[in-house]
Amino acid sequence: MFNALQVVTTVIVGLMVGVEFSVAFVINPIFKALPEDSGQLARSHGGRMLGAVMPFWYIGSLVLVGIWAAAGWHHHGTGLVVTSGVLLILSVIMSVLLLVPINDQGKTWTPETRPADWKQQVNRWDRFHYVRVAVIIAAFVLLVTALT
């Protein structure tokens, strides 16, 4: 049962990392290259869609890592799992304090209602997101390392 928990947790965190990596390095660059207002409209839609799912994915991942750490307290690699959990906590804090406020505004924008500085806000969100992606990649690497 413990092995199943380890595998499920690692897969769920890994998929989350993959989605967030894809947003940073594939999806958003595609959106930036779209003509006229299409990119901003696409980001607004993406913000609504992923904004509804990602909080559960982040918290769910954190809960699974916490269960793994508690259940495997005396197993090899628990320190790595705990450190991974700390990084996931950091990613949640970053999300709530830095990214969600921008996303909450951006997901309501239309070409008619967006603020004059919308591009600067989008770029700010992207910079914060790059850091968050690095944090969750590190958390994922620690989980994979704990499996070995």
Protein backbone atom coordinates (compact mmCIF):
# COMPACT_ATOMS: atom_id res chain seq x y z
CA MET A 1 0.00 0.00 0.00
CA PHE A 2 2.84 2.39 0.85
CA ASN A 3 4.44 1.78 -2.55
CA ALA A 4 1.14 2.60 -4.26
CA LEU A 5 0.96 5.86 -2.29
CA GLN A 6 4.49 6.75 -3.40
CA VAL A 7 3.75 6.04 -7.05
CA VAL A 8 0.37 7.82 -7.09
CA THR A 9 1.82 10.86 -5.34
CA THR A 10 4.80 11.03 -7.69
CA VAL A 11 2.60 10.69 -10.77
CA ILE A 12 0.12 13.34 -9.61
CA VAL A 13 2.87 15.82 -8.73
CA GLY A 14 4.68 14.99 -11.97
CA LEU A 15 1.57 15.65 -14.05
CA MET A 16 1.07 18.97 -12.26
CA VAL A 17 4.66 19.91 -13.02
CA GLY A 18 4.14 18.94 -16.65
CA VAL A 19 1.04 21.11 -16.98
CA GLU A 20 2.70 24.11 -15.34
CA PHE A 21 5.87 23.64 -17.41
CA SER A 22 3.73 23.46 -20.53
CA VAL A 23 1.90 26.66 -19.58
CA ALA A 24 5.19 28.49 -19.06
CA PHE A 25 7.17 27.27 -22.04
CA VAL A 26 4.61 26.17 -24.63
CA ILE A 27 1.10 27.56 -24.13
CA ASN A 28 1.87 31.14 -23.13
CA PRO A 29 4.46 31.63 -25.89
CA ILE A 30 1.87 30.38 -28.37
CA PHE A 31 -0.68 32.82 -26.94
CA LYS A 32 1.81 35.68 -27.23
CA ALA A 33 2.28 34.90 -30.93
CA LEU A 34 -1.44 34.99 -31.74
CA PRO A 35 -2.68 37.99 -33.71
CA GLU A 36 -4.39 41.03 -32.22
CA ASP A 37 -6.54 40.27 -29.16
CA SER A 38 -6.56 36.50 -29.57
CA GLY A 39 -3.68 35.90 -27.15
CA GLN A 40 -5.25 37.95 -24.39
CA LEU A 41 -8.61 36.22 -24.88
CA ALA A 42 -6.89 32.82 -24.82
CA ARG A 43 -5.05 33.68 -21.59
CA SER A 44 -8.31 34.83 -20.00
CA HIS A 45 -9.96 31.54 -20.93
CA GLY A 46 -6.96 29.57 -19.73
CA GLY A 47 -7.00 31.51 -16.47
CA ARG A 48 -10.62 30.58 -15.90
CA MET A 49 -10.13 26.94 -16.82
CA LEU A 50 -6.87 26.23 -15.00
CA GLY A 51 -7.78 28.62 -12.19
CA ALA A 52 -10.68 26.31 -11.36
CA VAL A 53 -8.59 23.12 -11.36
CA MET A 54 -5.12 24.00 -10.12
CA PRO A 55 -5.98 24.89 -6.50
CA PHE A 56 -7.29 21.34 -5.97
CA TRP A 57 -4.28 19.87 -7.75
CA TYR A 58 -1.77 21.87 -5.69
CA ILE A 59 -3.49 21.18 -2.36
CA GLY A 60 -4.14 17.55 -3.29
CA SER A 61 -0.48 17.08 -4.17
CA LEU A 62 0.56 18.65 -0.89
CA VAL A 63 -1.82 16.41 1.07
CA LEU A 64 -0.49 13.30 -0.67
CA VAL A 65 3.10 14.32 0.06
CA GLY A 66 2.12 14.91 3.70
CA ILE A 67 0.55 11.44 3.92
CA TRP A 68 3.66 9.92 2.32
CA ALA A 69 5.91 11.70 4.83
CA ALA A 70 3.76 10.61 7.79
CA ALA A 71 3.30 7.03 6.62
CA GLY A 72 6.97 6.62 5.74
CA TRP A 73 8.44 8.50 8.66
CA HIS A 74 10.95 5.74 9.38
CA HIS A 75 11.64 4.87 5.75
CA HIS A 76 14.61 5.88 3.67
CA GLY A 77 14.12 9.20 1.86
CA THR A 78 11.59 10.77 4.23
CA GLY A 79 13.74 13.89 4.57
CA LEU A 80 13.51 14.35 0.81
CA VAL A 81 9.74 13.94 0.94
CA VAL A 82 9.43 16.49 3.75
CA THR A 83 11.62 18.94 1.83
CA SER A 84 9.45 18.36 -1.23
CA GLY A 85 6.40 19.17 0.91
CA VAL A 86 8.03 22.38 2.10
CA LEU A 87 8.64 23.38 -1.52
CA LEU A 88 5.01 22.59 -2.39
CA ILE A 89 3.90 24.77 0.54
CA LEU A 90 6.11 27.53 -0.86
CA SER A 91 4.48 27.09 -4.28
CA VAL A 92 1.01 27.40 -2.74
CA ILE A 93 2.02 30.54 -0.83
CA MET A 94 3.52 32.01 -4.01
CA SER A 95 0.34 31.17 -5.89
CA VAL A 96 -1.98 32.75 -3.34
CA LEU A 97 0.10 35.88 -2.76
CA LEU A 98 1.57 36.56 -6.20
CA LEU A 99 -0.13 34.70 -9.03
CA VAL A 100 -3.80 34.32 -8.07
CA PRO A 101 -4.42 38.07 -7.67
CA ILE A 102 -3.16 38.71 -11.20
CA ASN A 103 -4.99 35.68 -12.57
CA ASP A 104 -8.26 36.69 -10.88
CA GLN A 105 -8.14 39.99 -12.71
CA GLY A 106 -6.86 38.61 -16.01
CA LYS A 107 -9.51 35.93 -16.35
CA THR A 108 -12.20 38.62 -16.55
CA TRP A 109 -10.44 40.77 -19.14
CA THR A 110 -11.81 41.34 -22.59
CA PRO A 111 -10.29 43.62 -25.21
CA GLU A 112 -12.81 46.25 -24.09
CA THR A 113 -12.32 45.92 -20.32
CA ARG A 114 -8.64 45.12 -19.85
CA PRO A 115 -6.49 47.75 -18.13
CA ALA A 116 -3.93 49.80 -20.01
CA ASP A 117 -1.07 47.95 -18.28
CA TRP A 118 -2.42 44.46 -19.01
CA LYS A 119 0.73 43.38 -20.86
CA GLN A 120 2.91 44.38 -17.91
CA GLN A 121 0.64 42.41 -15.57
CA VAL A 122 0.80 39.37 -17.86
CA ASN A 123 4.60 39.60 -17.97
CA ARG A 124 4.71 39.91 -14.18
CA TRP A 125 2.53 36.81 -13.85
CA ASP A 126 4.84 34.95 -16.25
CA ARG A 127 7.95 35.87 -14.23
CA PHE A 128 6.35 34.66 -10.99
CA HIS A 129 5.17 31.53 -12.77
CA TYR A 130 8.71 30.70 -13.97
CA VAL A 131 9.89 30.78 -10.36
CA ARG A 132 6.94 28.64 -9.23
CA VAL A 133 7.70 26.11 -11.98
CA ALA A 134 11.30 25.89 -10.77
CA VAL A 135 10.06 25.31 -7.20
CA ILE A 136 7.65 22.53 -8.15
CA ILE A 137 10.22 20.89 -10.44
CA ALA A 138 12.58 20.78 -7.45
CA ALA A 139 9.78 19.27 -5.33
CA PHE A 140 9.15 16.64 -7.99
CA VAL A 141 12.84 15.76 -8.33
CA LEU A 142 13.03 15.25 -4.56
CA LEU A 143 10.04 12.87 -4.69
CA VAL A 144 11.58 10.87 -7.51
CA THR A 145 14.87 10.74 -5.64
CA ALA A 146 13.08 9.56 -2.50
CA LEU A 147 11.75 6.58 -4.48
CA THR A 148 15.24 5.30 -5.16
